[in-house]
Amino acid sequence: MTGAATRKTVFVNVHRYLGLVLALFLVIIAGTGSIIAFYDDLERSLNTRMRVVEPQEQGWTIDDALRIREQLEREDPRSHLFSLQFPQQPDETLFSRVMPAIDPDTGAVASIDYDEVFANPYTGERLGQRIIGAPTLRPEGIPSFLYYLHYSLIFPLEIGIVIFGILGLVWAVETLLGGYLTFPAKPKANKSGKKPRPFLKRWATSWKIAPDAPANRRMLDLHRSSGLWLWPLLMLFALTGYVLNQGGPYARFISNFADYAHFQEEPPVAPLAEPLLNPPIDWFRAAELGQRYFAEQARLEDFELGKPAALEYRRDLGVYFFSMHTSRDLLDAQGNPTETNSPATAATIAIDARDGRFLGLQLPRGQRAANTVTSWLVALHVTAIGGRTWQIAVSLFGVAVVLISVTGVLLWWRRRRTRPASRPAPQPRAVRTGEAGSANTAGRSG
């Protein structure tokens, strides 16, 4: 066997067994992903009570939202509403992520049975609360459960995001190997001197399904050709799966080659020795400073301001993160700024909670090249851009990944079943003493 053939055999085995390890995870990740591509629609349809309100003519202000946040904490002193997401549509609710409160005197951490809370932005009414991803068969909890399965499976969040981040890298390696293995073997030397067919013509076979071939061959063709046609998307979702789950390591890696900022994952300040529970700069002052700093940065960086997106306080850092939509947002299919409140789709300003200092600005695009590229890739993964057409495409892609994974397992199983069993060498039959003569005679006669 030549060196090239040996190398390809090794790669085939690596591809096969990596695929077997990944198959179950990919079926779950891709299957849930094909559904949560429509996450916002599902939430509004199935969880209307906590997601949709009747718009009011008087509207709401940031101060209104901050007062509602304080009210919700007073209603349940066990809670610390650390991330307030401002509504982007008139009928949307006010949403906040929740952590257990810490007693400033004893340092005791409260026990709390929810991590998200929803309120009416016009009246302050508490509309509901939940644990994101809690297993349930109740319709209103299914989107949240599927969302959690998609990025953490059944593991605790801290463990799940590490595992899924690693799986994203393994999937990327598997995708590279799969693409390489579709390349045709190098043609053997032809004694007649006739030139072999060009590479592209020989490779074209890998992109097709032979309709008249045996069943196993058609399944191989389906597995291989679907992987080839979808190869760019497979690589995109594998790598962004890593970025979304392991933003810190990704930020440190990319920073070695390009200017990149991700304030939430790689903060502009070091963690504090003790959480700062009652900072000198309160939420109202942080919102004022955030709007002022955004106005200043808009003049300096030449962008226009849109809606406020979110205000978050990190007590482990003593830092507020104020997010706002701007003209540097990514654009959706209609040419409008996206309304997903994330670092990939909204600008963020960091503010020191001890003295109100401006700590930095992070824009989704047009500020740092690495941020611009990453924002586009992540926004594609979470269907923040592209509108309904891209949501449908991502949903169909998820189904295709399930198909690729299942056909890969079936190919392995069929190959295992049809592999000829190794037969043990025949053992000589024990001969009794009285039969020895007859056996020897028979042997001589033959």
Protein backbone atom coordinates (compact mmCIF):
# COMPACT_ATOMS: atom_id res chain seq x y z
CA MET A 1 0.00 0.00 0.00
CA THR A 2 1.38 3.42 -0.98
CA GLY A 3 1.93 6.23 1.51
CA ALA A 4 -1.01 8.18 0.09
CA ALA A 5 -3.30 5.17 0.38
CA THR A 6 -2.17 4.51 3.95
CA ARG A 7 -2.76 8.16 4.89
CA LYS A 8 -6.23 8.10 3.37
CA THR A 9 -7.09 4.89 5.23
CA VAL A 10 -6.06 6.54 8.50
CA PHE A 11 -8.17 9.61 7.69
CA VAL A 12 -11.15 7.42 6.79
CA ASN A 13 -10.94 5.69 10.17
CA VAL A 14 -10.56 8.98 12.04
CA HIS A 15 -13.51 10.44 10.12
CA ARG A 16 -15.62 7.35 10.78
CA TYR A 17 -15.07 7.18 14.52
CA LEU A 18 -15.20 10.92 15.11
CA GLY A 19 -18.48 10.85 13.23
CA LEU A 20 -19.81 8.08 15.45
CA VAL A 21 -18.88 10.05 18.58
CA LEU A 22 -20.49 13.22 17.20
CA ALA A 23 -23.58 11.62 15.66
CA LEU A 24 -25.88 11.67 18.69
CA PHE A 25 -24.83 15.19 19.66
CA LEU A 26 -25.28 16.49 16.11
CA VAL A 27 -28.71 14.92 15.77
CA ILE A 28 -29.81 16.73 18.96
CA ILE A 29 -28.02 20.00 18.19
CA ALA A 30 -29.14 20.17 14.55
CA GLY A 31 -32.62 18.88 15.27
CA THR A 32 -33.25 21.47 17.98
CA GLY A 33 -31.52 24.14 15.88
CA SER A 34 -33.91 23.55 13.00
CA ILE A 35 -36.75 24.42 15.41
CA ILE A 36 -35.24 27.30 17.39
CA ALA A 37 -34.36 29.09 14.16
CA PHE A 38 -37.89 30.41 14.81
CA TYR A 39 -37.33 30.89 18.55
CA ASP A 40 -38.85 34.37 18.84
CA ASP A 41 -41.95 33.32 16.88
CA LEU A 42 -42.37 30.20 19.02
CA GLU A 43 -41.97 32.17 22.24
CA ARG A 44 -44.56 34.73 21.18
CA SER A 45 -46.99 32.01 20.06
CA LEU A 46 -46.57 29.49 22.89
CA ASN A 47 -45.51 31.78 25.72
CA THR A 48 -47.75 34.75 24.95
CA ARG A 49 -48.49 35.45 28.61
CA MET A 50 -44.85 36.31 29.36
CA ARG A 51 -43.80 37.62 25.94
CA VAL A 52 -46.61 39.82 24.59
CA VAL A 53 -48.41 42.85 26.08
CA GLU A 54 -50.97 45.36 24.86
CA PRO A 55 -49.14 48.48 23.62
CA GLN A 56 -49.93 51.69 25.51
CA GLU A 57 -50.01 55.18 24.01
CA GLN A 58 -47.89 56.73 26.74
CA GLY A 59 -44.99 54.41 25.95
CA TRP A 60 -42.20 53.73 28.44
CA THR A 61 -38.81 55.25 29.27
CA ILE A 62 -35.53 53.81 30.48
CA ASP A 63 -36.28 55.25 33.94
CA ASP A 64 -39.62 53.41 33.88
CA ALA A 65 -37.82 50.14 33.10
CA LEU A 66 -35.28 50.71 35.89
CA ARG A 67 -38.02 51.45 38.42
CA ILE A 68 -39.80 48.25 37.39
CA ARG A 69 -36.52 46.38 37.87
CA GLU A 70 -36.26 47.73 41.44
CA GLN A 71 -39.89 46.83 42.09
CA LEU A 72 -39.33 43.24 40.93
CA GLU A 73 -36.35 42.91 43.27
CA ARG A 74 -38.39 44.28 46.18
CA GLU A 75 -41.12 41.74 45.46
CA ASP A 76 -38.56 38.96 45.83
CA PRO A 77 -35.49 39.94 47.93
CA ARG A 78 -33.84 36.64 46.96
CA SER A 79 -33.39 37.93 43.40
CA HIS A 80 -30.76 40.10 41.75
CA LEU A 81 -31.87 41.27 38.30
CA PHE A 82 -28.48 41.74 36.71
CA SER A 83 -29.33 42.03 33.00
CA LEU A 84 -32.28 44.13 31.85
CA GLN A 85 -33.31 43.67 28.19
CA PHE A 86 -35.35 46.62 26.88
CA PRO A 87 -38.34 45.85 24.60
CA GLN A 88 -37.69 46.48 20.92
CA GLN A 89 -41.34 46.42 19.81
CA PRO A 90 -44.39 48.14 21.40
CA ASP A 91 -45.97 44.79 22.31
CA GLU A 92 -42.84 43.19 23.81
CA THR A 93 -42.38 42.60 27.53
CA LEU A 94 -39.54 43.78 29.74
CA PHE A 95 -37.22 40.84 30.27
CA SER A 96 -34.42 40.39 32.80
CA ARG A 97 -31.96 37.67 33.68
CA VAL A 98 -31.73 36.86 37.35
CA MET A 99 -29.05 35.70 39.79
CA PRO A 100 -29.36 34.86 43.50
CA ALA A 101 -28.99 37.89 45.74
CA ILE A 102 -26.02 38.08 48.13
CA ASP A 103 -26.50 39.30 51.71
CA PRO A 104 -24.13 42.31 52.06
CA ASP A 105 -23.63 41.63 55.79
CA THR A 106 -23.06 37.87 55.85
CA GLY A 107 -22.12 37.14 52.24
CA ALA A 108 -24.72 34.37 52.15
CA VAL A 109 -26.07 33.56 48.68
CA ALA A 110 -29.85 33.26 48.49
CA SER A 111 -31.61 30.21 47.10
CA ILE A 112 -33.81 31.05 44.12
CA ASP A 113 -35.87 28.89 41.77
CA TYR A 114 -35.81 30.99 38.56
CA ASP A 115 -33.29 32.80 36.39
CA GLU A 116 -35.53 34.83 34.08
CA VAL A 117 -38.38 37.20 34.90
CA PHE A 118 -40.82 39.07 32.65
CA ALA A 119 -42.83 42.23 33.33
CA ASN A 120 -45.20 44.62 31.59
CA PRO A 121 -43.07 47.68 30.62
CA TYR A 122 -46.10 49.99 30.92
CA THR A 123 -47.56 48.88 34.26
CA GLY A 124 -44.73 47.00 35.99
CA GLU A 125 -46.89 43.90 36.46
CA ARG A 126 -44.87 40.74 36.99
CA LEU A 127 -46.00 38.46 34.15
CA GLY A 128 -44.01 35.34 34.97
CA GLN A 129 -40.68 33.79 35.75
CA ARG A 130 -38.89 30.59 34.80
CA ILE A 131 -35.67 28.63 34.72
CA ILE A 132 -34.31 28.76 31.19
CA GLY A 133 -34.30 25.27 29.71
CA ALA A 134 -36.34 23.58 32.45
CA PRO A 135 -37.57 20.19 31.12
CA THR A 136 -41.29 20.40 30.49
CA LEU A 137 -44.08 19.23 28.22
CA ARG A 138 -46.08 22.41 28.77
CA PRO A 139 -46.27 24.31 25.44
CA GLU A 140 -45.07 27.62 26.91
CA GLY A 141 -41.86 25.98 28.17
CA ILE A 142 -40.93 23.97 25.08
CA PRO A 143 -39.03 26.73 23.16
CA SER A 144 -36.90 27.49 26.23
CA PHE A 145 -36.23 23.79 26.80
CA LEU A 146 -35.21 23.21 23.18
CA TYR A 147 -32.98 26.31 23.31
CA TYR A 148 -31.16 24.98 26.37
CA LEU A 149 -30.80 21.52 24.80
CA HIS A 150 -29.25 23.14 21.75
CA TYR A 151 -26.31 24.68 23.57
CA SER A 152 -25.97 22.64 26.76
CA LEU A 153 -27.88 19.36 26.32
CA ILE A 154 -28.63 17.89 29.77
CA PHE A 155 -25.49 19.22 31.44
CA PRO A 156 -25.30 22.10 33.92
CA LEU A 157 -24.73 25.32 31.99
CA GLU A 158 -21.09 25.80 33.02
CA ILE A 159 -20.23 22.25 31.95
CA GLY A 160 -22.46 22.19 28.90
CA ILE A 161 -20.98 25.25 27.22
CA VAL A 162 -17.46 23.83 27.63
CA ILE A 163 -18.47 20.45 26.19
CA PHE A 164 -20.36 22.02 23.30
CA GLY A 165 -17.52 24.41 22.58
CA ILE A 166 -15.14 21.46 22.26
CA LEU A 167 -17.69 19.61 20.14
CA GLY A 168 -17.77 22.61 17.79
CA LEU A 169 -14.03 22.31 17.19
CA VAL A 170 -14.26 18.52 16.77
CA TRP A 171 -17.08 19.04 14.28
CA ALA A 172 -14.90 21.50 12.34
CA VAL A 173 -12.09 18.91 12.17
CA GLU A 174 -14.60 16.26 11.10
CA THR A 175 -15.89 18.58 8.37
CA LEU A 176 -12.35 19.19 7.09
CA LEU A 177 -11.66 15.45 6.98
CA GLY A 178 -14.95 14.76 5.24
CA GLY A 179 -14.16 17.31 2.54
CA TYR A 180 -10.66 15.89 2.02
CA LEU A 181 -11.97 12.34 1.71
CA THR A 182 -14.17 13.28 -1.24
CA PHE A 183 -11.09 14.04 -3.32
CA PRO A 184 -10.43 11.32 -5.93
CA ALA A 185 -7.35 9.11 -5.63
CA LYS A 186 -4.33 10.07 -7.63
CA PRO A 187 -4.53 8.23 -10.97
CA LYS A 188 -2.04 5.47 -11.63
CA ALA A 189 0.51 5.84 -14.38
CA ASN A 190 -0.94 4.82 -17.72
CA LYS A 191 1.39 2.68 -19.84
CA SER A 192 -0.38 3.74 -23.03
CA GLY A 193 0.60 7.35 -22.35
CA LYS A 194 -3.02 8.52 -22.32
CA LYS A 195 -3.57 11.45 -19.98
CA PRO A 196 -5.91 10.77 -17.03
CA ARG A 197 -9.11 12.75 -16.71
CA PRO A 198 -8.68 16.17 -15.07
CA PHE A 199 -9.09 16.38 -11.29
CA LEU A 200 -12.37 18.31 -11.44
CA LYS A 201 -13.99 15.75 -13.73
CA ARG A 202 -12.95 12.90 -11.43
CA TRP A 203 -14.10 14.88 -8.35
CA ALA A 204 -17.48 15.62 -9.97
CA THR A 205 -18.57 12.06 -9.12
CA SER A 206 -18.46 12.91 -5.41
CA TRP A 207 -21.08 15.61 -5.90
CA LYS A 208 -23.66 13.27 -7.43
CA ILE A 209 -25.93 10.41 -6.42
CA ALA A 210 -25.91 7.44 -8.81
CA PRO A 211 -29.62 6.50 -9.14
CA ASP A 212 -29.00 2.98 -10.46
CA ALA A 213 -26.31 2.02 -7.96
CA PRO A 214 -26.87 -0.54 -5.17
CA ALA A 215 -28.52 0.70 -1.96
CA ASN A 216 -25.27 0.96 0.01
CA ARG A 217 -23.64 2.97 -2.75
CA ARG A 218 -26.61 5.34 -2.98
CA MET A 219 -26.45 5.89 0.77
CA LEU A 220 -22.72 6.64 0.52
CA ASP A 221 -23.43 9.05 -2.35
CA LEU A 222 -26.14 10.77 -0.31
CA HIS A 223 -23.85 11.11 2.73
CA ARG A 224 -20.92 12.37 0.68
CA SER A 225 -22.68 14.67 -1.77
CA SER A 226 -24.89 16.35 0.85
CA GLY A 227 -21.78 16.99 2.95
CA LEU A 228 -20.03 18.51 -0.04
CA TRP A 229 -22.87 20.78 -1.11
CA LEU A 230 -23.33 21.98 2.46
CA TRP A 231 -19.62 22.09 3.37
CA PRO A 232 -19.39 25.91 3.81
CA LEU A 233 -22.41 25.91 6.12
CA LEU A 234 -21.12 22.91 8.07
CA MET A 235 -17.86 24.75 8.72
CA LEU A 236 -19.66 28.01 9.53
CA PHE A 237 -21.94 26.45 12.15
CA ALA A 238 -19.18 24.29 13.64
CA LEU A 239 -16.85 27.24 14.20
CA THR A 240 -19.54 29.65 15.40
CA GLY A 241 -20.78 26.93 17.74
CA TYR A 242 -17.34 27.12 19.35
CA VAL A 243 -17.35 30.93 19.39
CA LEU A 244 -20.79 31.14 21.02
CA ASN A 245 -19.88 28.66 23.75
CA GLN A 246 -16.24 29.58 24.30
CA GLY A 247 -16.13 33.31 23.68
CA GLY A 248 -13.28 33.91 26.15
CA PRO A 249 -10.76 31.46 24.65
CA TYR A 250 -11.82 32.60 21.17
CA ALA A 251 -11.23 36.25 22.08
CA ARG A 252 -7.77 35.47 23.48
CA PHE A 253 -6.86 33.46 20.39
CA ILE A 254 -8.08 36.00 17.84
CA SER A 255 -6.42 38.86 19.72
CA ASN A 256 -3.05 37.31 18.86
CA PHE A 257 -3.69 38.07 15.18
CA ALA A 258 -6.12 40.99 15.05
CA ASP A 259 -7.71 43.74 17.13
CA TYR A 260 -10.76 42.17 18.80
CA ALA A 261 -12.93 43.07 21.79
CA HIS A 262 -15.61 41.14 23.63
CA PHE A 263 -16.32 42.98 26.86
CA GLN A 264 -18.51 40.31 28.44
CA GLU A 265 -16.06 37.46 27.76
CA GLU A 266 -12.79 39.42 28.03
CA PRO A 267 -13.69 42.37 30.28
CA PRO A 268 -11.74 45.65 30.21
CA VAL A 269 -10.99 45.28 33.95
CA ALA A 270 -9.83 42.43 36.18
CA PRO A 271 -12.34 40.63 38.44
CA LEU A 272 -12.72 42.08 41.93
CA ALA A 273 -11.60 40.24 45.05
CA GLU A 274 -15.17 40.53 46.39
CA PRO A 275 -18.42 41.22 44.50
CA LEU A 276 -19.38 44.90 44.50
CA LEU A 277 -22.99 44.65 45.71
CA ASN A 278 -23.97 48.29 46.19
CA PRO A 279 -21.83 50.31 43.76
CA PRO A 280 -21.49 54.09 44.08
CA ILE A 281 -22.88 54.39 40.55
CA ASP A 282 -26.42 53.05 40.64
CA TRP A 283 -28.49 51.76 37.70
CA PHE A 284 -30.12 55.14 37.00
CA ARG A 285 -26.77 56.95 36.92
CA ALA A 286 -25.27 54.19 34.77
CA ALA A 287 -28.08 54.63 32.23
CA GLU A 288 -27.50 58.41 32.16
CA LEU A 289 -23.76 57.95 31.68
CA GLY A 290 -24.30 55.28 29.03
CA GLN A 291 -26.48 57.58 26.94
CA ARG A 292 -24.04 60.45 27.35
CA TYR A 293 -21.04 58.32 26.41
CA PHE A 294 -22.90 56.94 23.40
CA ALA A 295 -23.67 60.47 22.19
CA GLU A 296 -19.98 61.37 22.52
CA GLN A 297 -18.79 58.19 20.79
CA ALA A 298 -21.33 58.64 17.99
CA ARG A 299 -19.71 61.97 17.16
CA LEU A 300 -16.19 60.57 17.40
CA GLU A 301 -16.85 57.31 15.51
CA ASP A 302 -19.42 58.79 13.10
CA PHE A 303 -22.46 56.60 13.70
CA GLU A 304 -26.14 57.25 14.48
CA LEU A 305 -27.97 56.16 17.62
CA GLY A 306 -31.05 53.96 17.72
CA LYS A 307 -33.01 52.24 20.48
CA PRO A 308 -31.49 51.29 23.85
CA ALA A 309 -30.98 47.52 23.90
CA ALA A 310 -29.89 46.42 27.37
CA LEU A 311 -28.24 47.38 30.65
CA GLU A 312 -26.29 44.78 32.60
CA TYR A 313 -24.35 44.96 35.84
CA ARG A 314 -21.50 42.55 36.56
CA ARG A 315 -20.99 42.60 40.33
CA ASP A 316 -17.90 40.39 39.99
CA LEU A 317 -16.26 43.14 37.92
CA GLY A 318 -17.94 46.29 39.22
CA VAL A 319 -18.82 47.19 35.63
CA TYR A 320 -22.02 48.18 33.80
CA PHE A 321 -22.51 47.24 30.15
CA PHE A 322 -24.93 49.55 28.35
CA SER A 323 -26.01 48.35 24.89
CA MET A 324 -27.67 50.36 22.18
CA HIS A 325 -28.67 49.85 18.58
CA THR A 326 -26.81 52.08 16.15
CA SER A 327 -26.17 52.51 12.45
CA ARG A 328 -23.22 50.12 12.95
CA ASP A 329 -25.61 47.24 13.61
CA LEU A 330 -25.76 44.45 11.06
CA LEU A 331 -28.65 44.86 8.64
CA ASP A 332 -31.48 42.39 8.27
CA ALA A 333 -33.06 41.29 5.00
CA GLN A 334 -35.08 44.53 4.80
CA GLY A 335 -32.00 46.72 5.32
CA ASN A 336 -32.94 47.57 8.90
CA PRO A 337 -30.66 47.23 11.94
CA THR A 338 -31.12 43.92 13.72
CA GLU A 339 -32.93 43.97 17.04
CA THR A 340 -31.23 41.06 18.78
CA ASN A 341 -29.57 42.37 21.93
CA SER A 342 -26.16 40.71 21.81
CA PRO A 343 -22.56 41.90 21.33
CA ALA A 344 -22.75 40.69 17.74
CA THR A 345 -25.78 42.84 16.95
CA ALA A 346 -25.73 45.84 19.31
CA ALA A 347 -23.07 48.34 20.36
CA THR A 348 -21.84 48.13 23.96
CA ILE A 349 -20.22 50.67 26.28
CA ALA A 350 -18.47 49.60 29.48
CA ILE A 351 -18.78 51.87 32.55
CA ASP A 352 -16.91 51.58 35.84
CA ALA A 353 -19.50 51.21 38.62
CA ARG A 354 -17.15 52.72 41.20
CA ASP A 355 -16.56 56.12 39.60
CA GLY A 356 -18.53 56.16 36.32
CA ARG A 357 -15.44 56.13 34.10
CA PHE A 358 -15.83 55.27 30.42
CA LEU A 359 -13.99 51.96 29.91
CA GLY A 360 -14.50 51.33 26.22
CA LEU A 361 -16.78 50.93 23.22
CA GLN A 362 -17.50 47.78 21.24
CA LEU A 363 -19.30 48.08 17.88
CA PRO A 364 -20.67 45.13 15.90
CA ARG A 365 -19.01 46.32 12.69
CA GLY A 366 -16.81 49.02 11.23
CA GLN A 367 -14.61 49.49 14.31
CA ARG A 368 -12.44 46.36 14.49
CA ALA A 369 -12.08 44.00 11.53
CA ALA A 370 -12.14 40.87 13.68
CA ASN A 371 -15.31 42.04 15.43
CA THR A 372 -16.98 42.77 12.10
CA VAL A 373 -16.25 39.30 10.69
CA THR A 374 -17.20 37.55 13.94
CA SER A 375 -20.44 39.54 14.23
CA TRP A 376 -21.53 38.52 10.74
CA LEU A 377 -20.74 34.85 11.35
CA VAL A 378 -22.46 34.73 14.74
CA ALA A 379 -25.49 36.64 13.44
CA LEU A 380 -25.86 34.05 10.68
CA HIS A 381 -25.74 31.25 13.27
CA VAL A 382 -28.45 32.78 15.47
CA THR A 383 -30.56 33.93 12.46
CA ALA A 384 -30.32 37.57 13.56
CA ILE A 385 -30.00 38.60 9.90
CA GLY A 386 -31.47 37.36 6.65
CA GLY A 387 -35.09 37.52 7.72
CA ARG A 388 -37.58 34.69 7.21
CA THR A 389 -35.73 33.32 4.18
CA TRP A 390 -32.57 32.68 6.20
CA GLN A 391 -34.57 31.22 9.10
CA ILE A 392 -36.11 28.67 6.73
CA ALA A 393 -32.70 27.93 5.19
CA VAL A 394 -31.15 27.34 8.63
CA SER A 395 -34.06 25.11 9.62
CA LEU A 396 -33.63 23.00 6.48
CA PHE A 397 -29.89 22.91 7.07
CA GLY A 398 -30.51 21.46 10.54
CA VAL A 399 -32.60 18.67 9.00
CA ALA A 400 -29.81 18.02 6.48
CA VAL A 401 -27.21 17.69 9.28
CA VAL A 402 -29.45 15.12 10.97
CA LEU A 403 -29.60 13.25 7.64
CA ILE A 404 -25.82 13.35 7.20
CA SER A 405 -25.28 12.08 10.75
CA VAL A 406 -27.81 9.26 10.44
CA THR A 407 -26.49 8.08 7.06
CA GLY A 408 -22.97 8.09 8.47
CA VAL A 409 -24.01 5.79 11.32
CA LEU A 410 -25.97 3.52 8.93
CA LEU A 411 -22.97 3.22 6.62
CA TRP A 412 -20.80 2.15 9.55
CA TRP A 413 -23.43 -0.32 10.77
CA ARG A 414 -23.97 -1.91 7.36
CA ARG A 415 -20.26 -2.18 6.78
CA ARG A 416 -19.88 -3.85 10.18
CA ARG A 417 -22.68 -6.34 9.45
CA THR A 418 -21.38 -7.27 5.99
CA ARG A 419 -17.75 -7.59 7.08
CA PRO A 420 -16.77 -11.28 6.76
CA ALA A 421 -16.19 -12.84 10.15
CA SER A 422 -12.67 -14.15 10.64
CA ARG A 423 -12.80 -17.92 10.91
CA PRO A 424 -10.49 -19.72 13.33
CA ALA A 425 -8.03 -22.17 11.82
CA PRO A 426 -9.40 -25.76 11.84
CA GLN A 427 -8.17 -27.78 14.79
CA PRO A 428 -7.00 -31.40 14.24
CA ARG A 429 -9.55 -33.90 15.51
CA ALA A 430 -8.36 -35.86 18.50
CA VAL A 431 -7.63 -39.47 17.45
CA ARG A 432 -8.03 -42.35 19.82
CA THR A 433 -5.24 -44.96 19.96
CA GLY A 434 -7.34 -47.64 18.34
CA GLU A 435 -8.07 -45.43 15.34
CA ALA A 436 -4.49 -44.42 14.60
CA GLY A 437 -3.75 -47.33 12.29
CA SER A 438 -6.89 -46.84 10.22
CA ALA A 439 -6.21 -43.12 9.93
CA ASN A 440 -2.63 -43.71 8.79
CA THR A 441 -3.78 -46.33 6.30
CA ALA A 442 -6.40 -43.99 4.90
CA GLY A 443 -3.83 -41.26 4.56
CA ARG A 444 -1.46 -43.55 2.65
CA SER A 445 -4.26 -44.78 0.43
CA GLY A 446 -5.22 -41.22 -0.56
